[in-house]
Every structure is written in structure tokens, then in C-alpha cells.
């Protein structure tokens, strides 16, 4: 787990450096679908964690901490949360079931694993209740998009990108657009902070 944020340098709400804090421009994105962000404890203090931004922008989203296990004294995940009717998993692999598939309960709740791909796979493998959920797969994101972290998979994306894509599928692109814009603005500000006004590393 990373060390806690430097309180003098980082906003304790959005987690970003104070000079690029986005609290004043956070949108309010209201959805009928509930989003449960299962955030690995290793993501808690990372400024690049975007699950935090989802929970701040969406009244119908919440973060549930998970991972770490006995090593750090983390309580086990309450699997009853995952067994409520209408709960689906946002997951790229395996059989994808369309949300409007006959006989399926349309998603009322989407579970999102907020972790690196390695840790997300481990959590999935160790949680039978996750494996039993119907899965909502997403189209691959645009490869040209600037991101806070490099992605090793072609379908890899940040948590806020994944949630925005799911919202677009379930409730329309117009509802999802503020989330996409928020992420792009966070990336823009972060790149300027790292590399200066050009937002990109210079030659050499």
C-alpha cells in the first residue's frame, strides 16, 4: 500500500495535487443504475486512482474497500453485496451477456473492480460470487486517448473510463459524457503539471 497523501500537497477530497485539484468542476452524474466500486487497498492513496472520482461525481456510486487480506488485517469482502438481484460485473473476459438479453434481469447494480489488471484477476479468482455474476463487456477504448497510466491490454482503461462506457450503454451517451470530460480534464492538468505547458515530454 502506498503512503498517505502529503496533506500539504494533495487535496484530501479528490486526491490530486492541490495545484490541479478538480473539486470545483466535479459534475453531478445521476444514474438509475447503482455502481459499486470494489477498490483494492493498494489504490487508496494513489493520485491516479479514478474510482475516487467516480464516487465523487455520481450520487449512486460508492466505494467498497477490498484486498490485502490477513497481511494488513483487511476484513473479507461481504459477498452478500454481490448476490443481490440485478447485480452485474463489469469484466472484459468470458461470455458477455447483453443487458437486454431475454430472461435476464436488466442491470440494477454494476460491480467494478478498481485495481491493476493483475490484482483484479486475483480478486476475481478468489471471489466465487464475482465469477457467478452476469458480465457486461465494453467496446475497446480509443487507442489515441491520453491516459494517466499506460495500459498493457488493448481493452484496458481507467475505472472512470469503464464506468462512463457502462453508463453510455445502459443510460445513454449524454448521461455519460460529463464523466469522460472530467477524466480528460484530469489527464490534461496532470500532463501540464508533469511536463509543462506543452503537456508532453520534450525530445531526449
N, C-alpha and C. Protein backbone atom coordinates (compact mmCIF):
# COMPACT_ATOMS: atom_id res chain seq x y z
N UNK A 1 0.85 -1.20 0.00
CA UNK A 1 0.00 0.00 0.00
C UNK A 1 0.88 1.24 0.00
N UNK A 2 0.45 2.26 -0.71
CA UNK A 2 1.22 3.48 -0.77
C UNK A 2 1.04 4.30 0.50
N UNK A 3 2.01 5.16 0.76
CA UNK A 3 1.91 6.04 1.92
C UNK A 3 0.78 7.05 1.71
N UNK A 4 0.20 7.55 2.81
CA UNK A 4 -0.88 8.53 2.68
C UNK A 4 -0.41 9.78 1.93
N UNK A 5 -1.37 10.48 1.35
CA UNK A 5 -1.05 11.72 0.65
C UNK A 5 -0.38 12.71 1.59
N UNK A 6 0.50 13.52 1.03
CA UNK A 6 1.04 14.66 1.72
C UNK A 6 -0.09 15.69 1.82
N UNK A 7 -0.55 15.94 3.03
CA UNK A 7 -1.72 16.82 3.21
C UNK A 7 -1.47 18.23 2.69
N UNK A 8 -0.22 18.65 2.68
CA UNK A 8 0.08 19.99 2.20
C UNK A 8 0.07 20.08 0.68
N UNK A 9 0.32 18.95 0.01
CA UNK A 9 0.46 18.97 -1.44
C UNK A 9 -0.74 18.39 -2.18
N UNK A 10 -1.52 17.53 -1.51
CA UNK A 10 -2.63 16.86 -2.18
C UNK A 10 -3.97 17.22 -1.55
N UNK A 11 -4.96 17.38 -2.42
CA UNK A 11 -6.33 17.61 -1.95
C UNK A 11 -6.82 16.31 -1.30
N UNK A 12 -7.35 16.41 -0.11
CA UNK A 12 -7.79 15.21 0.60
C UNK A 12 -9.12 14.69 0.08
N UNK A 13 -9.76 15.47 -0.79
CA UNK A 13 -11.04 15.02 -1.36
C UNK A 13 -10.84 14.31 -2.68
N UNK A 14 -10.25 14.98 -3.66
CA UNK A 14 -10.09 14.37 -4.98
C UNK A 14 -8.78 13.59 -5.10
N UNK A 15 -7.84 13.80 -4.17
CA UNK A 15 -6.59 13.05 -4.18
C UNK A 15 -5.51 13.61 -5.09
N UNK A 16 -5.83 14.63 -5.87
CA UNK A 16 -4.86 15.20 -6.79
C UNK A 16 -4.02 16.27 -6.09
N UNK A 17 -2.91 16.62 -6.75
CA UNK A 17 -2.12 17.73 -6.23
C UNK A 17 -3.00 18.97 -6.13
N UNK A 18 -2.77 19.76 -5.09
CA UNK A 18 -3.64 20.92 -4.87
C UNK A 18 -3.62 21.90 -6.04
N UNK A 19 -2.49 21.97 -6.76
CA UNK A 19 -2.44 22.90 -7.87
C UNK A 19 -3.23 22.43 -9.08
N UNK A 20 -3.72 21.18 -9.08
CA UNK A 20 -4.58 20.73 -10.18
C UNK A 20 -5.88 20.13 -9.65
N UNK A 21 -6.23 20.47 -8.42
CA UNK A 21 -7.46 19.98 -7.79
C UNK A 21 -8.66 20.23 -8.71
N UNK A 22 -9.53 19.22 -8.86
CA UNK A 22 -10.69 19.36 -9.76
C UNK A 22 -12.02 19.41 -8.98
N UNK A 23 -11.95 19.61 -7.67
CA UNK A 23 -13.19 19.61 -6.88
C UNK A 23 -14.20 20.66 -7.36
N UNK A 24 -13.70 21.80 -7.81
CA UNK A 24 -14.60 22.89 -8.20
C UNK A 24 -15.32 22.61 -9.52
N UNK A 25 -14.86 21.62 -10.29
CA UNK A 25 -15.51 21.34 -11.58
C UNK A 25 -16.12 19.95 -11.62
N UNK A 26 -16.25 19.30 -10.46
CA UNK A 26 -16.84 17.97 -10.45
C UNK A 26 -18.29 18.03 -10.92
N UNK A 27 -18.66 17.22 -11.90
CA UNK A 27 -20.05 17.18 -12.34
C UNK A 27 -20.88 16.34 -11.37
N UNK A 28 -22.18 16.44 -11.49
CA UNK A 28 -23.08 15.54 -10.77
C UNK A 28 -23.77 14.68 -11.82
N UNK A 29 -23.44 13.40 -11.83
CA UNK A 29 -23.94 12.47 -12.83
C UNK A 29 -24.92 11.51 -12.14
N UNK A 30 -26.19 11.73 -12.41
CA UNK A 30 -27.23 10.93 -11.75
C UNK A 30 -27.63 9.76 -12.66
N UNK A 31 -27.62 8.57 -12.09
CA UNK A 31 -27.98 7.37 -12.84
C UNK A 31 -29.00 6.55 -12.07
N UNK A 32 -29.80 5.80 -12.81
CA UNK A 32 -30.69 4.84 -12.16
C UNK A 32 -29.90 3.62 -11.70
N UNK A 33 -28.86 3.29 -12.44
CA UNK A 33 -28.02 2.14 -12.12
C UNK A 33 -27.07 2.50 -10.99
N UNK A 34 -26.97 1.61 -10.01
CA UNK A 34 -26.00 1.79 -8.93
C UNK A 34 -24.65 1.22 -9.37
N UNK A 35 -23.58 1.89 -8.98
CA UNK A 35 -22.23 1.41 -9.27
C UNK A 35 -21.49 1.17 -7.96
N UNK A 36 -21.02 -0.06 -7.80
CA UNK A 36 -20.26 -0.44 -6.61
C UNK A 36 -18.80 -0.61 -7.04
N UNK A 37 -17.94 0.25 -6.55
CA UNK A 37 -16.53 0.24 -6.91
C UNK A 37 -15.77 -0.58 -5.86
N UNK A 38 -15.36 -1.79 -6.25
CA UNK A 38 -14.53 -2.60 -5.35
C UNK A 38 -13.08 -2.15 -5.53
N UNK A 39 -12.64 -1.27 -4.65
CA UNK A 39 -11.31 -0.67 -4.79
C UNK A 39 -10.29 -1.43 -3.95
N UNK A 40 -9.26 -1.93 -4.63
CA UNK A 40 -8.19 -2.61 -3.92
C UNK A 40 -7.48 -1.63 -3.00
N UNK A 41 -7.09 -2.10 -1.82
CA UNK A 41 -6.47 -1.20 -0.84
C UNK A 41 -5.21 -0.54 -1.40
N UNK A 42 -4.56 -1.18 -2.35
CA UNK A 42 -3.36 -0.59 -2.94
C UNK A 42 -3.64 0.65 -3.76
N UNK A 43 -4.92 0.87 -4.11
CA UNK A 43 -5.29 2.05 -4.90
C UNK A 43 -5.70 3.24 -4.04
N UNK A 44 -5.87 3.00 -2.75
CA UNK A 44 -6.48 4.01 -1.89
C UNK A 44 -5.79 5.36 -1.95
N UNK A 45 -4.47 5.36 -1.90
CA UNK A 45 -3.73 6.62 -1.81
C UNK A 45 -3.01 7.01 -3.10
N UNK A 46 -3.39 6.39 -4.20
CA UNK A 46 -2.75 6.74 -5.47
C UNK A 46 -3.45 7.95 -6.09
N UNK A 47 -2.73 9.02 -6.38
CA UNK A 47 -3.35 10.18 -7.02
C UNK A 47 -3.99 9.84 -8.36
N UNK A 48 -3.49 8.82 -9.04
CA UNK A 48 -4.03 8.45 -10.35
C UNK A 48 -5.26 7.55 -10.26
N UNK A 49 -5.70 7.23 -9.04
CA UNK A 49 -6.89 6.39 -8.90
C UNK A 49 -8.13 7.17 -9.31
N UNK A 50 -8.90 6.62 -10.25
CA UNK A 50 -10.08 7.34 -10.73
C UNK A 50 -11.39 6.80 -10.18
N UNK A 51 -11.33 5.68 -9.44
CA UNK A 51 -12.54 5.21 -8.77
C UNK A 51 -13.04 6.26 -7.79
N UNK A 52 -12.10 6.97 -7.17
CA UNK A 52 -12.45 8.05 -6.26
C UNK A 52 -13.26 9.13 -6.98
N UNK A 53 -12.88 9.46 -8.20
CA UNK A 53 -13.59 10.49 -8.96
C UNK A 53 -15.01 10.05 -9.30
N UNK A 54 -15.16 8.76 -9.60
CA UNK A 54 -16.50 8.23 -9.89
C UNK A 54 -17.41 8.42 -8.68
N UNK A 55 -16.91 8.05 -7.51
CA UNK A 55 -17.72 8.16 -6.30
C UNK A 55 -18.05 9.61 -5.96
N UNK A 56 -17.14 10.53 -6.28
CA UNK A 56 -17.39 11.95 -6.01
C UNK A 56 -18.42 12.54 -6.98
N UNK A 57 -18.40 12.07 -8.23
CA UNK A 57 -19.27 12.66 -9.25
C UNK A 57 -20.65 12.01 -9.33
N UNK A 58 -20.78 10.77 -8.85
CA UNK A 58 -22.02 10.03 -9.03
C UNK A 58 -22.68 9.72 -7.68
N UNK A 59 -23.82 10.34 -7.39
CA UNK A 59 -24.51 10.06 -6.13
C UNK A 59 -24.88 8.60 -5.96
N UNK A 60 -25.06 7.87 -7.07
CA UNK A 60 -25.45 6.47 -6.99
C UNK A 60 -24.26 5.54 -7.17
N UNK A 61 -23.09 5.97 -6.71
CA UNK A 61 -21.88 5.13 -6.74
C UNK A 61 -21.24 5.17 -5.37
N UNK A 62 -20.62 4.07 -5.01
CA UNK A 62 -19.92 4.02 -3.73
C UNK A 62 -18.71 3.11 -3.83
N UNK A 63 -17.75 3.36 -2.94
CA UNK A 63 -16.52 2.59 -2.92
C UNK A 63 -16.58 1.59 -1.77
N UNK A 64 -16.22 0.35 -2.08
CA UNK A 64 -16.07 -0.70 -1.06
C UNK A 64 -14.62 -1.15 -1.11
N UNK A 65 -13.90 -1.01 0.00
CA UNK A 65 -12.50 -1.39 0.04
C UNK A 65 -12.37 -2.91 0.08
N UNK A 66 -11.35 -3.43 -0.60
CA UNK A 66 -11.15 -4.88 -0.63
C UNK A 66 -9.68 -5.17 -0.87
N UNK A 67 -9.31 -6.43 -0.73
CA UNK A 67 -7.93 -6.84 -0.99
C UNK A 67 -7.04 -6.66 0.22
N UNK A 68 -5.85 -7.22 0.12
CA UNK A 68 -4.89 -7.11 1.21
C UNK A 68 -4.95 -8.27 2.17
N UNK A 69 -6.18 -8.71 2.50
CA UNK A 69 -6.38 -9.88 3.34
C UNK A 69 -5.73 -9.78 4.71
N UNK A 70 -5.33 -10.95 5.21
CA UNK A 70 -4.77 -11.03 6.56
C UNK A 70 -3.44 -10.27 6.67
N UNK A 71 -2.77 -10.08 5.54
CA UNK A 71 -1.48 -9.40 5.57
C UNK A 71 -1.58 -8.02 6.21
N UNK A 72 -2.70 -7.33 5.96
CA UNK A 72 -2.87 -6.00 6.54
C UNK A 72 -4.09 -5.94 7.46
N UNK A 73 -4.66 -7.11 7.75
CA UNK A 73 -5.82 -7.14 8.64
C UNK A 73 -7.09 -6.66 7.99
N UNK A 74 -7.19 -6.81 6.65
CA UNK A 74 -8.38 -6.37 5.92
C UNK A 74 -9.51 -7.38 6.14
N UNK A 75 -10.73 -6.92 6.43
CA UNK A 75 -11.85 -7.86 6.58
C UNK A 75 -12.21 -8.48 5.24
N UNK A 76 -12.76 -9.69 5.24
CA UNK A 76 -13.17 -10.30 3.97
C UNK A 76 -14.30 -9.53 3.32
N UNK A 77 -14.35 -9.61 2.01
CA UNK A 77 -15.42 -8.93 1.27
C UNK A 77 -16.77 -9.55 1.61
N UNK A 78 -17.75 -8.71 1.89
CA UNK A 78 -19.11 -9.19 2.17
C UNK A 78 -19.77 -9.61 0.85
N UNK A 79 -19.76 -10.91 0.57
CA UNK A 79 -20.26 -11.40 -0.70
C UNK A 79 -21.78 -11.26 -0.83
N UNK A 80 -22.47 -11.00 0.28
CA UNK A 80 -23.92 -10.79 0.19
C UNK A 80 -24.22 -9.58 -0.69
N UNK A 81 -23.32 -8.62 -0.69
CA UNK A 81 -23.46 -7.43 -1.53
C UNK A 81 -23.53 -7.80 -3.01
N UNK A 82 -22.82 -8.87 -3.38
CA UNK A 82 -22.72 -9.27 -4.78
C UNK A 82 -23.86 -10.19 -5.22
N UNK A 83 -24.69 -10.62 -4.28
CA UNK A 83 -25.73 -11.59 -4.60
C UNK A 83 -27.11 -10.98 -4.69
N UNK A 84 -27.18 -9.66 -4.63
CA UNK A 84 -28.48 -9.01 -4.75
C UNK A 84 -28.98 -9.13 -6.19
N UNK A 85 -30.29 -9.31 -6.40
CA UNK A 85 -30.83 -9.43 -7.75
C UNK A 85 -30.47 -8.22 -8.62
N UNK A 86 -30.14 -8.49 -9.87
CA UNK A 86 -29.83 -7.41 -10.80
C UNK A 86 -28.40 -6.93 -10.74
N UNK A 87 -27.53 -7.67 -10.02
CA UNK A 87 -26.12 -7.27 -9.93
C UNK A 87 -25.33 -7.89 -11.07
N UNK A 88 -24.59 -7.06 -11.79
CA UNK A 88 -23.74 -7.49 -12.91
C UNK A 88 -22.31 -7.08 -12.63
N UNK A 89 -21.39 -7.73 -13.32
CA UNK A 89 -19.96 -7.42 -13.19
C UNK A 89 -19.44 -6.82 -14.48
N UNK A 90 -18.72 -5.73 -14.34
CA UNK A 90 -18.02 -5.15 -15.49
C UNK A 90 -16.72 -5.93 -15.65
N UNK A 91 -16.61 -6.69 -16.75
CA UNK A 91 -15.48 -7.61 -16.89
C UNK A 91 -15.22 -7.89 -18.36
N UNK A 92 -13.96 -7.84 -18.81
CA UNK A 92 -13.70 -7.97 -20.25
C UNK A 92 -13.67 -9.39 -20.78
N UNK A 93 -13.37 -10.37 -19.92
CA UNK A 93 -13.18 -11.74 -20.40
C UNK A 93 -14.42 -12.61 -20.18
N UNK A 94 -14.48 -13.69 -20.94
CA UNK A 94 -15.57 -14.65 -20.76
C UNK A 94 -16.77 -14.31 -21.61
N UNK A 95 -17.88 -14.97 -21.30
CA UNK A 95 -19.10 -14.80 -22.08
C UNK A 95 -19.80 -13.51 -21.66
N UNK A 96 -20.03 -12.66 -22.62
CA UNK A 96 -20.72 -11.40 -22.35
C UNK A 96 -22.20 -11.57 -22.62
N UNK A 97 -23.02 -11.14 -21.69
CA UNK A 97 -24.48 -11.22 -21.85
C UNK A 97 -25.01 -9.82 -22.10
N UNK A 98 -25.68 -9.58 -23.23
CA UNK A 98 -26.24 -8.24 -23.47
C UNK A 98 -27.23 -7.87 -22.36
N UNK A 99 -27.27 -6.60 -21.94
CA UNK A 99 -28.17 -6.19 -20.86
C UNK A 99 -29.64 -6.45 -21.15
N UNK A 100 -30.02 -6.49 -22.44
CA UNK A 100 -31.42 -6.71 -22.79
C UNK A 100 -31.69 -8.15 -23.22
N UNK A 101 -30.80 -9.07 -22.85
CA UNK A 101 -30.97 -10.47 -23.22
C UNK A 101 -32.25 -11.03 -22.60
N UNK A 102 -33.08 -11.75 -23.40
CA UNK A 102 -34.33 -12.30 -22.85
C UNK A 102 -34.06 -13.20 -21.64
N UNK A 103 -34.87 -13.04 -20.63
CA UNK A 103 -34.73 -13.87 -19.44
C UNK A 103 -33.76 -13.34 -18.42
N UNK A 104 -32.98 -12.31 -18.77
CA UNK A 104 -32.03 -11.74 -17.83
C UNK A 104 -32.63 -10.52 -17.12
N UNK A 105 -32.29 -10.36 -15.86
CA UNK A 105 -32.70 -9.16 -15.14
C UNK A 105 -31.78 -8.02 -15.56
N UNK A 106 -32.37 -6.95 -16.07
CA UNK A 106 -31.56 -5.82 -16.51
C UNK A 106 -30.73 -5.30 -15.34
N UNK A 107 -29.51 -4.87 -15.60
CA UNK A 107 -28.64 -4.44 -14.50
C UNK A 107 -29.25 -3.33 -13.65
N UNK A 108 -29.31 -3.58 -12.36
CA UNK A 108 -29.68 -2.55 -11.40
C UNK A 108 -28.43 -2.04 -10.68
N UNK A 109 -27.40 -2.89 -10.70
CA UNK A 109 -26.17 -2.60 -9.97
C UNK A 109 -25.01 -3.16 -10.78
N UNK A 110 -23.99 -2.35 -10.97
CA UNK A 110 -22.79 -2.78 -11.69
C UNK A 110 -21.62 -2.78 -10.71
N UNK A 111 -20.94 -3.91 -10.64
CA UNK A 111 -19.75 -4.04 -9.81
C UNK A 111 -18.52 -3.78 -10.68
N UNK A 112 -17.66 -2.89 -10.22
CA UNK A 112 -16.46 -2.52 -10.97
C UNK A 112 -15.23 -2.80 -10.10
N UNK A 113 -14.29 -3.57 -10.62
CA UNK A 113 -13.06 -3.84 -9.88
C UNK A 113 -12.06 -2.73 -10.15
N UNK A 114 -11.71 -2.01 -9.12
CA UNK A 114 -10.83 -0.85 -9.23
C UNK A 114 -9.45 -1.26 -8.74
N UNK A 115 -8.63 -1.76 -9.68
CA UNK A 115 -7.31 -2.29 -9.34
C UNK A 115 -6.51 -2.44 -10.63
N UNK A 116 -5.23 -2.74 -10.50
CA UNK A 116 -4.47 -3.12 -11.68
C UNK A 116 -5.07 -4.40 -12.24
N UNK A 117 -4.79 -4.69 -13.51
CA UNK A 117 -5.35 -5.90 -14.11
C UNK A 117 -4.88 -7.14 -13.35
N UNK A 118 -3.64 -7.16 -12.93
CA UNK A 118 -3.11 -8.30 -12.17
C UNK A 118 -3.91 -8.52 -10.89
N UNK A 119 -4.14 -7.46 -10.13
CA UNK A 119 -4.86 -7.58 -8.86
C UNK A 119 -6.34 -7.83 -9.08
N UNK A 120 -6.90 -7.27 -10.16
CA UNK A 120 -8.32 -7.52 -10.46
C UNK A 120 -8.54 -8.99 -10.76
N UNK A 121 -7.65 -9.59 -11.54
CA UNK A 121 -7.77 -11.02 -11.85
C UNK A 121 -7.65 -11.87 -10.59
N UNK A 122 -6.75 -11.48 -9.69
CA UNK A 122 -6.59 -12.23 -8.45
C UNK A 122 -7.85 -12.15 -7.60
N UNK A 123 -8.42 -10.94 -7.48
CA UNK A 123 -9.65 -10.77 -6.71
C UNK A 123 -10.78 -11.59 -7.32
N UNK A 124 -10.87 -11.56 -8.64
CA UNK A 124 -11.91 -12.33 -9.34
C UNK A 124 -11.74 -13.83 -9.06
N UNK A 125 -10.51 -14.32 -9.16
CA UNK A 125 -10.25 -15.75 -8.97
C UNK A 125 -10.56 -16.20 -7.55
N UNK A 126 -10.43 -15.30 -6.58
CA UNK A 126 -10.62 -15.67 -5.18
C UNK A 126 -12.01 -15.37 -4.65
N UNK A 127 -12.89 -14.88 -5.52
CA UNK A 127 -14.23 -14.49 -5.07
C UNK A 127 -15.27 -15.19 -5.92
N UNK A 128 -15.77 -16.36 -5.50
CA UNK A 128 -16.75 -17.11 -6.30
C UNK A 128 -17.99 -16.30 -6.66
N UNK A 129 -18.41 -15.42 -5.76
CA UNK A 129 -19.62 -14.63 -6.04
C UNK A 129 -19.43 -13.73 -7.26
N UNK A 130 -18.21 -13.26 -7.50
CA UNK A 130 -17.94 -12.45 -8.69
C UNK A 130 -18.03 -13.31 -9.95
N UNK A 131 -17.51 -14.52 -9.87
CA UNK A 131 -17.49 -15.41 -11.03
C UNK A 131 -18.88 -15.81 -11.48
N UNK A 132 -19.85 -15.77 -10.57
CA UNK A 132 -21.20 -16.20 -10.90
C UNK A 132 -22.07 -15.10 -11.48
N UNK A 133 -21.57 -13.87 -11.48
CA UNK A 133 -22.38 -12.75 -11.95
C UNK A 133 -22.43 -12.69 -13.48
N UNK A 134 -23.58 -12.26 -14.04
CA UNK A 134 -23.58 -11.95 -15.48
C UNK A 134 -22.63 -10.81 -15.74
N UNK A 135 -22.01 -10.79 -16.92
CA UNK A 135 -20.95 -9.83 -17.20
C UNK A 135 -21.35 -8.84 -18.29
N UNK A 136 -20.99 -7.62 -18.04
CA UNK A 136 -21.17 -6.56 -19.04
C UNK A 136 -19.79 -6.22 -19.59
N UNK A 137 -19.58 -6.53 -20.85
CA UNK A 137 -18.30 -6.21 -21.51
C UNK A 137 -18.44 -4.89 -22.25
N UNK A 138 -17.32 -4.23 -22.45
CA UNK A 138 -17.32 -2.90 -23.06
C UNK A 138 -16.55 -2.92 -24.37
N UNK A 139 -16.88 -2.02 -25.29
CA UNK A 139 -16.06 -1.89 -26.50
C UNK A 139 -14.68 -1.37 -26.14
N UNK A 140 -13.69 -1.73 -26.94
CA UNK A 140 -12.32 -1.26 -26.68
C UNK A 140 -12.27 0.26 -26.77
N UNK A 141 -11.52 0.91 -25.89
CA UNK A 141 -11.44 2.37 -25.92
C UNK A 141 -10.57 2.86 -27.07
N UNK A 142 -10.65 4.14 -27.34
CA UNK A 142 -9.82 4.73 -28.39
C UNK A 142 -8.35 4.64 -27.99
N UNK A 143 -7.53 4.12 -28.88
CA UNK A 143 -6.11 3.94 -28.56
C UNK A 143 -5.36 5.26 -28.51
N UNK A 144 -5.94 6.31 -29.08
CA UNK A 144 -5.26 7.60 -29.15
C UNK A 144 -5.49 8.47 -27.91
N UNK A 145 -6.32 8.02 -27.01
CA UNK A 145 -6.66 8.83 -25.84
C UNK A 145 -5.47 8.91 -24.87
N UNK A 146 -5.22 10.11 -24.38
CA UNK A 146 -4.20 10.28 -23.35
C UNK A 146 -4.73 9.70 -22.04
N UNK A 147 -3.85 9.05 -21.27
CA UNK A 147 -4.26 8.42 -20.02
C UNK A 147 -3.26 8.73 -18.91
N UNK A 148 -3.73 8.54 -17.67
CA UNK A 148 -2.86 8.74 -16.52
C UNK A 148 -1.87 7.60 -16.37
N UNK A 149 -2.26 6.41 -16.81
CA UNK A 149 -1.39 5.24 -16.70
C UNK A 149 -1.34 4.52 -18.04
N UNK A 150 -0.20 3.91 -18.33
CA UNK A 150 -0.10 3.08 -19.52
C UNK A 150 -0.92 1.81 -19.33
N UNK A 151 -1.57 1.35 -20.41
CA UNK A 151 -2.37 0.14 -20.36
C UNK A 151 -1.68 -0.96 -21.14
N UNK A 152 -1.61 -2.16 -20.55
CA UNK A 152 -0.96 -3.29 -21.21
C UNK A 152 -1.90 -4.05 -22.13
N UNK A 153 -3.19 -3.88 -21.95
CA UNK A 153 -4.17 -4.58 -22.78
C UNK A 153 -4.82 -3.60 -23.74
N UNK A 154 -5.21 -4.08 -24.90
CA UNK A 154 -5.88 -3.22 -25.88
C UNK A 154 -7.21 -2.72 -25.35
N UNK A 155 -7.86 -3.52 -24.49
CA UNK A 155 -9.15 -3.11 -23.93
C UNK A 155 -8.99 -2.49 -22.55
N UNK A 156 -7.75 -2.22 -22.14
CA UNK A 156 -7.52 -1.63 -20.83
C UNK A 156 -7.94 -0.17 -20.77
N UNK A 157 -8.48 0.20 -19.63
CA UNK A 157 -8.90 1.59 -19.43
C UNK A 157 -8.97 1.89 -17.95
N UNK A 158 -9.04 3.15 -17.62
CA UNK A 158 -9.16 3.55 -16.22
C UNK A 158 -10.56 3.22 -15.72
N UNK A 159 -10.72 3.25 -14.41
CA UNK A 159 -12.03 2.96 -13.82
C UNK A 159 -13.08 3.95 -14.27
N UNK A 160 -12.74 5.22 -14.31
CA UNK A 160 -13.74 6.21 -14.70
C UNK A 160 -14.12 6.06 -16.18
N UNK A 161 -13.16 5.68 -17.02
CA UNK A 161 -13.49 5.42 -18.43
C UNK A 161 -14.45 4.24 -18.54
N UNK A 162 -14.17 3.18 -17.77
CA UNK A 162 -15.01 1.99 -17.81
C UNK A 162 -16.42 2.30 -17.34
N UNK A 163 -16.54 3.06 -16.27
CA UNK A 163 -17.86 3.43 -15.76
C UNK A 163 -18.60 4.30 -16.77
N UNK A 164 -17.90 5.26 -17.37
CA UNK A 164 -18.53 6.12 -18.38
C UNK A 164 -19.04 5.29 -19.55
N UNK A 165 -18.27 4.30 -19.97
CA UNK A 165 -18.69 3.44 -21.08
C UNK A 165 -19.91 2.62 -20.69
N UNK A 166 -19.93 2.11 -19.47
CA UNK A 166 -21.09 1.35 -19.00
C UNK A 166 -22.33 2.22 -18.90
N UNK A 167 -22.16 3.43 -18.38
CA UNK A 167 -23.29 4.37 -18.29
C UNK A 167 -23.83 4.68 -19.68
N UNK A 168 -22.93 4.86 -20.64
CA UNK A 168 -23.35 5.14 -22.02
C UNK A 168 -24.21 4.01 -22.57
N UNK A 169 -23.81 2.76 -22.31
CA UNK A 169 -24.56 1.60 -22.80
C UNK A 169 -25.93 1.52 -22.12
N UNK A 170 -25.95 1.74 -20.81
CA UNK A 170 -27.16 1.50 -20.03
C UNK A 170 -28.11 2.69 -19.99
N UNK A 171 -27.55 3.91 -20.03
CA UNK A 171 -28.41 5.08 -19.82
C UNK A 171 -28.19 6.20 -20.82
N UNK A 172 -27.34 5.96 -21.80
CA UNK A 172 -27.17 6.92 -22.87
C UNK A 172 -25.89 7.72 -22.81
N UNK A 173 -25.39 8.07 -24.00
CA UNK A 173 -24.12 8.79 -24.11
C UNK A 173 -24.16 10.15 -23.45
N UNK A 174 -25.31 10.81 -23.50
CA UNK A 174 -25.41 12.15 -22.92
C UNK A 174 -25.20 12.12 -21.40
N UNK A 175 -25.72 11.08 -20.76
CA UNK A 175 -25.53 10.94 -19.32
C UNK A 175 -24.08 10.68 -18.98
N UNK A 176 -23.40 9.90 -19.83
CA UNK A 176 -22.02 9.50 -19.56
C UNK A 176 -21.00 10.58 -19.89
N UNK A 177 -21.33 11.50 -20.76
CA UNK A 177 -20.36 12.47 -21.29
C UNK A 177 -19.63 13.27 -20.21
N UNK A 178 -20.30 13.74 -19.14
CA UNK A 178 -19.56 14.50 -18.12
C UNK A 178 -18.44 13.72 -17.46
N UNK A 179 -18.59 12.40 -17.34
CA UNK A 179 -17.53 11.59 -16.76
C UNK A 179 -16.32 11.54 -17.69
N UNK A 180 -16.58 11.37 -18.97
CA UNK A 180 -15.49 11.35 -19.95
C UNK A 180 -14.76 12.69 -19.98
N UNK A 181 -15.52 13.78 -19.94
CA UNK A 181 -14.89 15.10 -19.94
C UNK A 181 -14.07 15.33 -18.68
N UNK A 182 -14.57 14.85 -17.55
CA UNK A 182 -13.83 15.01 -16.29
C UNK A 182 -12.50 14.29 -16.37
N UNK A 183 -12.50 13.06 -16.87
CA UNK A 183 -11.25 12.31 -16.97
C UNK A 183 -10.27 13.01 -17.90
N UNK A 184 -10.75 13.48 -19.04
CA UNK A 184 -9.86 14.16 -19.98
C UNK A 184 -9.24 15.41 -19.35
N UNK A 185 -10.02 16.11 -18.53
CA UNK A 185 -9.50 17.32 -17.88
C UNK A 185 -8.47 16.96 -16.81
N UNK A 186 -8.70 15.88 -16.08
CA UNK A 186 -7.71 15.43 -15.09
C UNK A 186 -6.40 15.06 -15.79
N UNK A 187 -6.51 14.35 -16.90
CA UNK A 187 -5.30 13.97 -17.65
C UNK A 187 -4.59 15.23 -18.16
N UNK A 188 -5.35 16.17 -18.70
CA UNK A 188 -4.75 17.40 -19.24
C UNK A 188 -3.97 18.14 -18.16
N UNK A 189 -4.59 18.32 -17.00
CA UNK A 189 -3.93 19.05 -15.92
C UNK A 189 -2.70 18.29 -15.41
N UNK A 190 -2.82 16.98 -15.32
CA UNK A 190 -1.70 16.18 -14.84
C UNK A 190 -0.52 16.24 -15.80
N UNK A 191 -0.80 16.20 -17.09
CA UNK A 191 0.28 16.27 -18.07
C UNK A 191 0.98 17.63 -18.03
N UNK A 192 0.23 18.68 -17.83
CA UNK A 192 0.83 20.01 -17.73
C UNK A 192 1.70 20.09 -16.48
N UNK A 193 1.21 19.50 -15.38
CA UNK A 193 1.99 19.50 -14.15
C UNK A 193 3.30 18.73 -14.32
N UNK A 194 3.24 17.62 -15.05
CA UNK A 194 4.43 16.79 -15.24
C UNK A 194 5.42 17.38 -16.23
N UNK A 195 4.89 17.91 -17.35
CA UNK A 195 5.77 18.24 -18.47
C UNK A 195 5.77 19.73 -18.85
N UNK A 196 4.96 20.54 -18.17
CA UNK A 196 4.92 21.94 -18.52
C UNK A 196 3.77 22.26 -19.46
N UNK A 197 3.68 23.48 -19.96
CA UNK A 197 2.54 23.93 -20.78
C UNK A 197 2.25 23.06 -22.00
N UNK A 198 3.29 22.41 -22.56
CA UNK A 198 3.04 21.57 -23.74
C UNK A 198 2.28 20.32 -23.38
N UNK A 199 2.33 19.91 -22.11
CA UNK A 199 1.63 18.70 -21.68
C UNK A 199 2.27 17.42 -22.14
N UNK A 200 3.44 17.50 -22.75
CA UNK A 200 4.12 16.30 -23.26
C UNK A 200 5.61 16.38 -22.96
N UNK A 201 6.25 15.22 -22.80
CA UNK A 201 7.70 15.25 -22.58
C UNK A 201 8.43 15.78 -23.81
N UNK A 202 9.50 16.51 -23.58
CA UNK A 202 10.26 17.05 -24.68
C UNK A 202 11.18 16.02 -25.28
N UNK A 203 11.86 16.33 -26.37
CA UNK A 203 12.78 15.38 -27.01
C UNK A 203 13.95 15.06 -26.09
N UNK A 204 14.47 13.84 -26.23
CA UNK A 204 15.59 13.44 -25.40
C UNK A 204 15.15 13.03 -24.05
